[in-house]
Amino acid sequence: MKTNGILIHESDHVVTLTLPVKAGEAVTYIRKGILTQVEAIEDIPQYHKIAVQDIGKGRKIRKYGEEIGEAVSHISAGGWVHVHNLQSSCLADTRQEREETI
């Protein structure tokens, strides 16, 4: 079976898609040498992120083994993780720096 997702670091909450997926399609990726799957619950574009586990509102989201932001709403496993439900740590830091200089 071919993979259509890449888990960058073992601690990540998301997988990056190498192909677009439709709701109901399986996303396959390798975790600890084992072929693993999560079912997409919505259409997700190529190169975007899919949650591989439930992520509660307010929880930090990991990619690259690092925190990339915080969930602004609950994200179910198989859900699309993007700007509509993820507040980027980078943007939050930039916003805070701007406020501190005003």
PDB file of N, CA and C in Angstrom:
ATOM      1  N   MET A   1       0.846  -1.188   0.000  1.00  0.00           N
ATOM      2  CA  MET A   1       0.000   0.000   0.000  1.00  0.00           C
ATOM      3  C   MET A   1       0.886   1.244   0.000  1.00  0.00           C
ATOM      4  N   LYS A   2       0.584   2.207  -0.852  1.00  0.00           N
ATOM      5  CA  LYS A   2       1.346   3.448  -0.936  1.00  0.00           C
ATOM      6  C   LYS A   2       0.884   4.425   0.141  1.00  0.00           C
ATOM      7  N   THR A   3       1.794   5.279   0.545  1.00  0.00           N
ATOM      8  CA  THR A   3       1.440   6.327   1.498  1.00  0.00           C
ATOM      9  C   THR A   3       1.005   7.584   0.738  1.00  0.00           C
ATOM     10  N   ASN A   4       0.133   8.345   1.352  1.00  0.00           N
ATOM     11  CA  ASN A   4      -0.273   9.633   0.788  1.00  0.00           C
ATOM     12  C   ASN A   4      -0.185  10.733   1.841  1.00  0.00           C
ATOM     13  N   GLY A   5       0.542  10.420   2.910  1.00  0.00           N
ATOM     14  CA  GLY A   5       0.780  11.384   3.972  1.00  0.00           C
ATOM     15  C   GLY A   5       2.156  11.178   4.570  1.00  0.00           C
ATOM     16  N   ILE A   6       2.703  12.257   5.127  1.00  0.00           N
ATOM     17  CA  ILE A   6       4.030  12.189   5.729  1.00  0.00           C
ATOM     18  C   ILE A   6       3.951  12.666   7.170  1.00  0.00           C
ATOM     19  N   LEU A   7       4.338  11.778   8.075  1.00  0.00           N
ATOM     20  CA  LEU A   7       4.499  12.150   9.478  1.00  0.00           C
ATOM     21  C   LEU A   7       5.952  12.589   9.617  1.00  0.00           C
ATOM     22  N   ILE A   8       6.171  13.846   9.941  1.00  0.00           N
ATOM     23  CA  ILE A   8       7.528  14.382   9.964  1.00  0.00           C
ATOM     24  C   ILE A   8       8.263  13.979  11.243  1.00  0.00           C
ATOM     25  N   HIS A   9       7.562  13.993  12.384  1.00  0.00           N
ATOM     26  CA  HIS A   9       8.183  13.653  13.670  1.00  0.00           C
ATOM     27  C   HIS A   9       7.205  12.794  14.466  1.00  0.00           C
ATOM     28  N   GLU A  10       7.723  11.854  15.203  1.00  0.00           N
ATOM     29  CA  GLU A  10       6.875  10.908  15.950  1.00  0.00           C
ATOM     30  C   GLU A  10       5.898  11.585  16.913  1.00  0.00           C
ATOM     31  N   SER A  11       6.230  12.772  17.411  1.00  0.00           N
ATOM     32  CA  SER A  11       5.356  13.449  18.373  1.00  0.00           C
ATOM     33  C   SER A  11       4.294  14.330  17.715  1.00  0.00           C
ATOM     34  N   ASP A  12       4.291  14.400  16.383  1.00  0.00           N
ATOM     35  CA  ASP A  12       3.355  15.283  15.672  1.00  0.00           C
ATOM     36  C   ASP A  12       1.906  14.842  15.817  1.00  0.00           C
ATOM     37  N   HIS A  13       1.020  15.824  15.848  1.00  0.00           N
ATOM     38  CA  HIS A  13      -0.426  15.583  15.890  1.00  0.00           C
ATOM     39  C   HIS A  13      -1.037  15.587  14.493  1.00  0.00           C
ATOM     40  N   VAL A  14      -0.244  15.946  13.491  1.00  0.00           N
ATOM     41  CA  VAL A  14      -0.729  16.081  12.123  1.00  0.00           C
ATOM     42  C   VAL A  14       0.195  15.370  11.142  1.00  0.00           C
ATOM     43  N   VAL A  15      -0.380  15.049   9.999  1.00  0.00           N
ATOM     44  CA  VAL A  15       0.345  14.471   8.867  1.00  0.00           C
ATOM     45  C   VAL A  15       0.150  15.419   7.693  1.00  0.00           C
ATOM     46  N   THR A  16       1.181  15.597   6.882  1.00  0.00           N
ATOM     47  CA  THR A  16       1.086  16.422   5.682  1.00  0.00           C
ATOM     48  C   THR A  16       0.709  15.534   4.500  1.00  0.00           C
ATOM     49  N   LEU A  17      -0.309  15.951   3.755  1.00  0.00           N
ATOM     50  CA  LEU A  17      -0.791  15.162   2.618  1.00  0.00           C
ATOM     51  C   LEU A  17       0.088  15.370   1.390  1.00  0.00           C
ATOM     52  N   THR A  18       0.424  14.296   0.709  1.00  0.00           N
ATOM     53  CA  THR A  18       1.179  14.392  -0.542  1.00  0.00           C
ATOM     54  C   THR A  18       0.243  14.433  -1.751  1.00  0.00           C
ATOM     55  N   LEU A  19      -1.026  14.118  -1.509  1.00  0.00           N
ATOM     56  CA  LEU A  19      -2.063  14.157  -2.538  1.00  0.00           C
ATOM     57  C   LEU A  19      -3.335  14.703  -1.892  1.00  0.00           C
ATOM     58  N   PRO A  20      -4.235  15.318  -2.673  1.00  0.00           N
ATOM     59  CA  PRO A  20      -5.500  15.739  -2.071  1.00  0.00           C
ATOM     60  C   PRO A  20      -6.330  14.517  -1.695  1.00  0.00           C
ATOM     61  N   VAL A  21      -7.177  14.647  -0.672  1.00  0.00           N
ATOM     62  CA  VAL A  21      -8.067  13.554  -0.283  1.00  0.00           C
ATOM     63  C   VAL A  21      -9.499  14.066  -0.175  1.00  0.00           C
ATOM     64  N   LYS A  22     -10.423  13.166  -0.393  1.00  0.00           N
ATOM     65  CA  LYS A  22     -11.853  13.439  -0.238  1.00  0.00           C
ATOM     66  C   LYS A  22     -12.313  12.832   1.076  1.00  0.00           C
ATOM     67  N   ALA A  23     -13.392  13.367   1.615  1.00  0.00           N
ATOM     68  CA  ALA A  23     -13.970  12.808   2.832  1.00  0.00           C
ATOM     69  C   ALA A  23     -14.222  11.320   2.639  1.00  0.00           C
ATOM     70  N   GLY A  24     -13.849  10.520   3.625  1.00  0.00           N
ATOM     71  CA  GLY A  24     -14.035   9.073   3.562  1.00  0.00           C
ATOM     72  C   GLY A  24     -12.834   8.312   3.043  1.00  0.00           C
ATOM     73  N   GLU A  25     -11.874   9.003   2.431  1.00  0.00           N
ATOM     74  CA  GLU A  25     -10.678   8.337   1.929  1.00  0.00           C
ATOM     75  C   GLU A  25      -9.668   8.141   3.062  1.00  0.00           C
ATOM     76  N   ALA A  26      -8.891   7.077   2.940  1.00  0.00           N
ATOM     77  CA  ALA A  26      -7.849   6.785   3.928  1.00  0.00           C
ATOM     78  C   ALA A  26      -6.586   7.571   3.608  1.00  0.00           C
ATOM     79  N   VAL A  27      -5.978   8.099   4.644  1.00  0.00           N
ATOM     80  CA  VAL A  27      -4.657   8.705   4.545  1.00  0.00           C
ATOM     81  C   VAL A  27      -3.702   7.726   5.232  1.00  0.00           C
ATOM     82  N   THR A  28      -2.716   7.266   4.489  1.00  0.00           N
ATOM     83  CA  THR A  28      -1.761   6.304   5.028  1.00  0.00           C
ATOM     84  C   THR A  28      -0.398   6.976   5.205  1.00  0.00           C
ATOM     85  N   TYR A  29       0.252   6.627   6.297  1.00  0.00           N
ATOM     86  CA  TYR A  29       1.551   7.204   6.621  1.00  0.00           C
ATOM     87  C   TYR A  29       2.310   6.204   7.497  1.00  0.00           C
ATOM     88  N   ILE A  30       3.590   6.449   7.662  1.00  0.00           N
ATOM     89  CA  ILE A  30       4.433   5.565   8.464  1.00  0.00           C
ATOM     90  C   ILE A  30       4.648   6.190   9.844  1.00  0.00           C
ATOM     91  N   ARG A  31       4.355   5.425  10.908  1.00  0.00           N
ATOM     92  CA  ARG A  31       4.633   5.838  12.292  1.00  0.00           C
ATOM     93  C   ARG A  31       5.400   4.706  12.956  1.00  0.00           C
ATOM     94  N   LYS A  32       6.619   5.000  13.388  1.00  0.00           N
ATOM     95  CA  LYS A  32       7.477   4.006  14.039  1.00  0.00           C
ATOM     96  C   LYS A  32       7.637   2.747  13.191  1.00  0.00           C
ATOM     97  N   GLY A  33       7.786   2.942  11.877  1.00  0.00           N
ATOM     98  CA  GLY A  33       8.008   1.829  10.967  1.00  0.00           C
ATOM     99  C   GLY A  33       6.766   1.040  10.601  1.00  0.00           C
ATOM    100  N   ILE A  34       5.604   1.481  11.086  1.00  0.00           N
ATOM    101  CA  ILE A  34       4.350   0.762  10.832  1.00  0.00           C
ATOM    102  C   ILE A  34       3.444   1.616   9.951  1.00  0.00           C
ATOM    103  N   LEU A  35       2.884   1.001   8.913  1.00  0.00           N
ATOM    104  CA  LEU A  35       1.931   1.683   8.052  1.00  0.00           C
ATOM    105  C   LEU A  35       0.656   1.954   8.859  1.00  0.00           C
ATOM    106  N   THR A  36       0.266   3.198   8.951  1.00  0.00           N
ATOM    107  CA  THR A  36      -0.845   3.635   9.787  1.00  0.00           C
ATOM    108  C   THR A  36      -1.838   4.400   8.928  1.00  0.00           C
ATOM    109  N   GLN A  37      -3.104   4.408   9.317  1.00  0.00           N
ATOM    110  CA  GLN A  37      -4.146   5.103   8.550  1.00  0.00           C
ATOM    111  C   GLN A  37      -5.025   5.956   9.445  1.00  0.00           C
ATOM    112  N   VAL A  38      -5.539   7.015   8.853  1.00  0.00           N
ATOM    113  CA  VAL A  38      -6.607   7.811   9.448  1.00  0.00           C
ATOM    114  C   VAL A  38      -7.560   8.138   8.304  1.00  0.00           C
ATOM    115  N   GLU A  39      -8.853   8.112   8.569  1.00  0.00           N
ATOM    116  CA  GLU A  39      -9.843   8.416   7.532  1.00  0.00           C
ATOM    117  C   GLU A  39     -10.153   9.906   7.531  1.00  0.00           C
ATOM    118  N   ALA A  40     -10.060  10.524   6.362  1.00  0.00           N
ATOM    119  CA  ALA A  40     -10.391  11.941   6.227  1.00  0.00           C
ATOM    120  C   ALA A  40     -11.889  12.133   6.452  1.00  0.00           C
ATOM    121  N   ILE A  41     -12.252  13.112   7.262  1.00  0.00           N
ATOM    122  CA  ILE A  41     -13.672  13.388   7.513  1.00  0.00           C
ATOM    123  C   ILE A  41     -14.174  14.571   6.689  1.00  0.00           C
ATOM    124  N   GLU A  42     -13.266  15.142   5.898  1.00  0.00           N
ATOM    125  CA  GLU A  42     -13.634  16.233   4.994  1.00  0.00           C
ATOM    126  C   GLU A  42     -12.618  16.258   3.859  1.00  0.00           C
ATOM    127  N   ASP A  43     -12.941  16.962   2.794  1.00  0.00           N
ATOM    128  CA  ASP A  43     -11.991  17.112   1.692  1.00  0.00           C
ATOM    129  C   ASP A  43     -10.826  17.973   2.180  1.00  0.00           C
ATOM    130  N   ILE A  44      -9.607  17.561   1.833  1.00  0.00           N
ATOM    131  CA  ILE A  44      -8.411  18.288   2.267  1.00  0.00           C
ATOM    132  C   ILE A  44      -7.468  18.412   1.072  1.00  0.00           C
ATOM    133  N   PRO A  45      -6.996  19.642   0.794  1.00  0.00           N
ATOM    134  CA  PRO A  45      -6.100  19.838  -0.344  1.00  0.00           C
ATOM    135  C   PRO A  45      -4.719  19.223  -0.135  1.00  0.00           C
ATOM    136  N   GLN A  46      -4.054  18.985  -1.248  1.00  0.00           N
ATOM    137  CA  GLN A  46      -2.682  18.488  -1.250  1.00  0.00           C
ATOM    138  C   GLN A  46      -1.779  19.446  -0.467  1.00  0.00           C
ATOM    139  N   TYR A  47      -0.839  18.885   0.256  1.00  0.00           N
ATOM    140  CA  TYR A  47       0.164  19.595   1.055  1.00  0.00           C
ATOM    141  C   TYR A  47      -0.400  20.250   2.313  1.00  0.00           C
ATOM    142  N   HIS A  48      -1.663  20.017   2.612  1.00  0.00           N
ATOM    143  CA  HIS A  48      -2.237  20.544   3.848  1.00  0.00           C
ATOM    144  C   HIS A  48      -2.146  19.484   4.931  1.00  0.00           C
ATOM    145  N   LYS A  49      -2.543  19.852   6.144  1.00  0.00           N
ATOM    146  CA  LYS A  49      -2.408  18.977   7.304  1.00  0.00           C
ATOM    147  C   LYS A  49      -3.723  18.301   7.648  1.00  0.00           C
ATOM    148  N   ILE A  50      -3.632  17.034   8.099  1.00  0.00           N
ATOM    149  CA  ILE A  50      -4.767  16.285   8.611  1.00  0.00           C
ATOM    150  C   ILE A  50      -4.431  15.858  10.045  1.00  0.00           C
ATOM    151  N   ALA A  51      -5.406  15.984  10.933  1.00  0.00           N
ATOM    152  CA  ALA A  51      -5.204  15.558  12.319  1.00  0.00           C
ATOM    153  C   ALA A  51      -5.195  14.035  12.385  1.00  0.00           C
ATOM    154  N   VAL A  52      -4.233  13.475  13.096  1.00  0.00           N
ATOM    155  CA  VAL A  52      -4.164  12.021  13.243  1.00  0.00           C
ATOM    156  C   VAL A  52      -4.718  11.572  14.594  1.00  0.00           C
ATOM    157  N   GLN A  53      -5.183  12.528  15.369  1.00  0.00           N
ATOM    158  CA  GLN A  53      -5.835  12.249  16.647  1.00  0.00           C
ATOM    159  C   GLN A  53      -6.751  13.426  16.955  1.00  0.00           C
ATOM    160  N   ASP A  54      -7.690  13.228  17.876  1.00  0.00           N
ATOM    161  CA  ASP A  54      -8.527  14.343  18.298  1.00  0.00           C
ATOM    162  C   ASP A  54      -7.645  15.390  18.968  1.00  0.00           C
ATOM    163  N   ILE A  55      -7.924  16.655  18.648  1.00  0.00           N
ATOM    164  CA  ILE A  55      -7.182  17.776  19.220  1.00  0.00           C
ATOM    165  C   ILE A  55      -8.207  18.722  19.832  1.00  0.00           C
ATOM    166  N   GLY A  56      -8.202  18.838  21.139  1.00  0.00           N
ATOM    167  CA  GLY A  56      -9.170  19.680  21.832  1.00  0.00           C
ATOM    168  C   GLY A  56      -8.890  21.164  21.662  1.00  0.00           C
ATOM    169  N   LYS A  57      -9.958  21.952  21.758  1.00  0.00           N
ATOM    170  CA  LYS A  57      -9.830  23.411  21.687  1.00  0.00           C
ATOM    171  C   LYS A  57      -8.823  23.877  22.737  1.00  0.00           C
ATOM    172  N   GLY A  58      -7.905  24.748  22.327  1.00  0.00           N
ATOM    173  CA  GLY A  58      -6.899  25.289  23.224  1.00  0.00           C
ATOM    174  C   GLY A  58      -5.633  24.456  23.320  1.00  0.00           C
ATOM    175  N   ARG A  59      -5.653  23.271  22.750  1.00  0.00           N
ATOM    176  CA  ARG A  59      -4.469  22.398  22.819  1.00  0.00           C
ATOM    177  C   ARG A  59      -3.416  22.850  21.818  1.00  0.00           C
ATOM    178  N   LYS A  60      -2.172  22.766  22.216  1.00  0.00           N
ATOM    179  CA  LYS A  60      -1.055  23.065  21.317  1.00  0.00           C
ATOM    180  C   LYS A  60      -0.962  21.962  20.268  1.00  0.00           C
ATOM    181  N   ILE A  61      -0.683  22.339  19.026  1.00  0.00           N
ATOM    182  CA  ILE A  61      -0.577  21.388  17.919  1.00  0.00           C
ATOM    183  C   ILE A  61       0.890  21.271  17.525  1.00  0.00           C
ATOM    184  N   ARG A  62       1.331  20.025  17.348  1.00  0.00           N
ATOM    185  CA  ARG A  62       2.730  19.758  17.015  1.00  0.00           C
ATOM    186  C   ARG A  62       2.884  19.297  15.563  1.00  0.00           C
ATOM    187  N   LYS A  63       3.895  19.867  14.898  1.00  0.00           N
ATOM    188  CA  LYS A  63       4.368  19.442  13.583  1.00  0.00           C
ATOM    189  C   LYS A  63       5.864  19.713  13.586  1.00  0.00           C
ATOM    190  N   TYR A  64       6.644  18.917  12.908  1.00  0.00           N
ATOM    191  CA  TYR A  64       8.109  19.025  12.917  1.00  0.00           C
ATOM    192  C   TYR A  64       8.673  18.720  14.316  1.00  0.00           C
ATOM    193  N   GLY A  65       7.864  18.129  15.201  1.00  0.00           N
ATOM    194  CA  GLY A  65       8.297  17.902  16.564  1.00  0.00           C
ATOM    195  C   GLY A  65       8.239  19.157  17.421  1.00  0.00           C
ATOM    196  N   GLU A  66       7.642  20.211  16.897  1.00  0.00           N
ATOM    197  CA  GLU A  66       7.558  21.514  17.563  1.00  0.00           C
ATOM    198  C   GLU A  66       6.113  21.999  17.593  1.00  0.00           C
ATOM    199  N   GLU A  67       5.803  22.872  18.539  1.00  0.00           N
ATOM    200  CA  GLU A  67       4.476  23.482  18.574  1.00  0.00           C
ATOM    201  C   GLU A  67       4.372  24.495  17.441  1.00  0.00           C
ATOM    202  N   ILE A  68       3.332  24.341  16.626  1.00  0.00           N
ATOM    203  CA  ILE A  68       3.141  25.273  15.516  1.00  0.00           C
ATOM    204  C   ILE A  68       1.975  26.220  15.769  1.00  0.00           C
ATOM    205  N   GLY A  69       1.201  25.945  16.819  1.00  0.00           N
ATOM    206  CA  GLY A  69       0.068  26.794  17.128  1.00  0.00           C
ATOM    207  C   GLY A  69      -0.883  26.121  18.085  1.00  0.00           C
ATOM    208  N   GLU A  70      -2.078  26.699  18.161  1.00  0.00           N
ATOM    209  CA  GLU A  70      -3.094  26.240  19.096  1.00  0.00           C
ATOM    210  C   GLU A  70      -4.423  26.056  18.370  1.00  0.00           C
ATOM    211  N   ALA A  71      -5.134  25.009  18.736  1.00  0.00           N
ATOM    212  CA  ALA A  71      -6.448  24.751  18.147  1.00  0.00           C
ATOM    213  C   ALA A  71      -7.443  25.788  18.680  1.00  0.00           C
ATOM    214  N   VAL A  72      -8.115  26.493  17.776  1.00  0.00           N
ATOM    215  CA  VAL A  72      -9.106  27.486  18.199  1.00  0.00           C
ATOM    216  C   VAL A  72     -10.496  26.867  18.309  1.00  0.00           C
ATOM    217  N   SER A  73     -10.617  25.616  17.877  1.00  0.00           N
ATOM    218  CA  SER A  73     -11.844  24.836  18.038  1.00  0.00           C
ATOM    219  C   SER A  73     -11.440  23.363  18.081  1.00  0.00           C
ATOM    220  N   HIS A  74     -12.357  22.511  18.513  1.00  0.00           N
ATOM    221  CA  HIS A  74     -12.056  21.073  18.540  1.00  0.00           C
ATOM    222  C   HIS A  74     -11.805  20.586  17.111  1.00  0.00           C
ATOM    223  N   ILE A  75     -10.783  19.763  16.942  1.00  0.00           N
ATOM    224  CA  ILE A  75     -10.468  19.162  15.641  1.00  0.00           C
ATOM    225  C   ILE A  75     -10.492  17.655  15.833  1.00  0.00           C
ATOM    226  N   SER A  76     -11.384  16.987  15.123  1.00  0.00           N
ATOM    227  CA  SER A  76     -11.477  15.532  15.210  1.00  0.00           C
ATOM    228  C   SER A  76     -10.390  14.873  14.371  1.00  0.00           C
ATOM    229  N   ALA A  77      -9.995  13.667  14.777  1.00  0.00           N
ATOM    230  CA  ALA A  77      -9.057  12.891  13.969  1.00  0.00           C
ATOM    231  C   ALA A  77      -9.628  12.782  12.561  1.00  0.00           C
ATOM    232  N   GLY A  78      -8.797  13.031  11.557  1.00  0.00           N
ATOM    233  CA  GLY A  78      -9.245  13.009  10.168  1.00  0.00           C
ATOM    234  C   GLY A  78      -9.675  14.368   9.655  1.00  0.00           C
ATOM    235  N   GLY A  79      -9.653  15.379  10.532  1.00  0.00           N
ATOM    236  CA  GLY A  79     -10.058  16.731  10.136  1.00  0.00           C
ATOM    237  C   GLY A  79      -8.913  17.535   9.559  1.00  0.00           C
ATOM    238  N   TRP A  80      -9.287  18.512   8.754  1.00  0.00           N
ATOM    239  CA  TRP A  80      -8.345  19.415   8.110  1.00  0.00           C
ATOM    240  C   TRP A  80      -7.841  20.406   9.154  1.00  0.00           C
ATOM    241  N   VAL A  81      -6.541  20.547   9.286  1.00  0.00           N
ATOM    242  CA  VAL A  81      -5.937  21.501  10.209  1.00  0.00           C
ATOM    243  C   VAL A  81      -5.356  22.632   9.372  1.00  0.00           C
ATOM    244  N   HIS A  82      -5.948  23.821   9.535  1.00  0.00           N
ATOM    245  CA  HIS A  82      -5.530  24.970   8.729  1.00  0.00           C
ATOM    246  C   HIS A  82      -5.923  26.251   9.464  1.00  0.00           C
ATOM    247  N   VAL A  83      -5.858  27.381   8.794  1.00  0.00           N
ATOM    248  CA  VAL A  83      -6.083  28.683   9.430  1.00  0.00           C
ATOM    249  C   VAL A  83      -7.483  28.843  10.043  1.00  0.00           C
ATOM    250  N   HIS A  84      -8.451  28.046   9.619  1.00  0.00           N
ATOM    251  CA  HIS A  84      -9.803  28.170  10.169  1.00  0.00           C
ATOM    252  C   HIS A  84      -9.932  27.557  11.561  1.00  0.00           C
ATOM    253  N   ASN A  85      -8.970  26.714  11.967  1.00  0.00           N
ATOM    254  CA  ASN A  85      -9.051  26.086  13.285  1.00  0.00           C
ATOM    255  C   ASN A  85      -7.701  26.030  14.005  1.00  0.00           C
ATOM    256  N   LEU A  86      -6.696  26.716  13.465  1.00  0.00           N
ATOM    257  CA  LEU A  86      -5.352  26.748  14.040  1.00  0.00           C
ATOM    258  C   LEU A  86      -4.866  28.189  14.106  1.00  0.00           C
ATOM    259  N   GLN A  87      -4.520  28.631  15.312  1.00  0.00           N
ATOM    260  CA  GLN A  87      -3.882  29.942  15.447  1.00  0.00           C
ATOM    261  C   GLN A  87      -2.390  29.690  15.491  1.00  0.00           C
ATOM    262  N   SER A  88      -1.689  30.179  14.510  1.00  0.00           N
ATOM    263  CA  SER A  88      -0.254  29.942  14.387  1.00  0.00           C
ATOM    264  C   SER A  88       0.518  30.582  15.530  1.00  0.00           C
ATOM    265  N   SER A  89       1.484  29.864  16.068  1.00  0.00           N
ATOM    266  CA  SER A  89       2.367  30.423  17.097  1.00  0.00           C
ATOM    267  C   SER A  89       3.162  31.587  16.520  1.00  0.00           C
ATOM    268  N   CYS A  90       3.538  31.472  15.278  1.00  0.00           N
ATOM    269  CA  CYS A  90       4.318  32.516  14.615  1.00  0.00           C
ATOM    270  C   CYS A  90       3.515  33.816  14.547  1.00  0.00           C
ATOM    271  N   LEU A  91       2.258  33.734  14.145  1.00  0.00           N
ATOM    272  CA  LEU A  91       1.418  34.924  14.056  1.00  0.00           C
ATOM    273  C   LEU A  91       1.154  35.509  15.423  1.00  0.00           C
ATOM    274  N   ALA A  92       0.954  34.673  16.426  1.00  0.00           N
ATOM    275  CA  ALA A  92       0.697  35.154  17.787  1.00  0.00           C
ATOM    276  C   ALA A  92       1.926  35.905  18.306  1.00  0.00           C
ATOM    277  N   ASP A  93       3.125  35.379  18.050  1.00  0.00           N
ATOM    278  CA  ASP A  93       4.348  36.043  18.486  1.00  0.00           C
ATOM    279  C   ASP A  93       4.496  37.396  17.802  1.00  0.00           C
ATOM    280  N   THR A  94       4.209  37.453  16.512  1.00  0.00           N
ATOM    281  CA  THR A  94       4.309  38.691  15.754  1.00  0.00           C
ATOM    282  C   THR A  94       3.323  39.718  16.287  1.00  0.00           C
ATOM    283  N   ARG A  95       2.085  39.286  16.552  1.00  0.00           N
ATOM    284  CA  ARG A  95       1.056  40.167  17.076  1.00  0.00           C
ATOM    285  C   ARG A  95       1.479  40.733  18.425  1.00  0.00           C
ATOM    286  N   GLN A  96       2.029  39.877  19.298  1.00  0.00           N
ATOM    287  CA  GLN A  96       2.450  40.305  20.627  1.00  0.00           C
ATOM    288  C   GLN A  96       3.602  41.322  20.511  1.00  0.00           C
ATOM    289  N   GLU A  97       4.556  41.067  19.621  1.00  0.00           N
ATOM    290  CA  GLU A  97       5.663  41.987  19.447  1.00  0.00           C
ATOM    291  C   GLU A  97       5.164  43.345  18.988  1.00  0.00           C
ATOM    292  N   ARG A  98       4.189  43.358  18.065  1.00  0.00           N
ATOM    293  CA  ARG A  98       3.619  44.606  17.565  1.00  0.00           C
ATOM    294  C   ARG A  98       2.946  45.374  18.691  1.00  0.00           C
ATOM    295  N   GLU A  99       2.171  44.688  19.528  1.00  0.00           N
ATOM    296  CA  GLU A  99       1.472  45.338  20.632  1.00  0.00           C
ATOM    297  C   GLU A  99       2.446  45.910  21.645  1.00  0.00           C
ATOM    298  N   GLU A 100       3.566  45.230  21.864  1.00  0.00           N
ATOM    299  CA  GLU A 100       4.551  45.706  22.831  1.00  0.00           C
ATOM    300  C   GLU A 100       5.262  46.954  22.362  1.00  0.00           C
ATOM    301  N   THR A 101       5.332  47.181  21.052  1.00  0.00           N
ATOM    302  CA  THR A 101       6.029  48.369  20.536  1.00  0.00           C
ATOM    303  C   THR A 101       5.111  49.577  20.409  1.00  0.00           C
ATOM    304  N   ILE A 102       3.821  49.375  20.589  1.00  0.00           N
ATOM    305  CA  ILE A 102       2.852  50.487  20.458  1.00  0.00           C
ATOM    306  C   ILE A 102       2.786  51.270  21.749  1.00  0.00           C
TER     307      ILE A 102
END
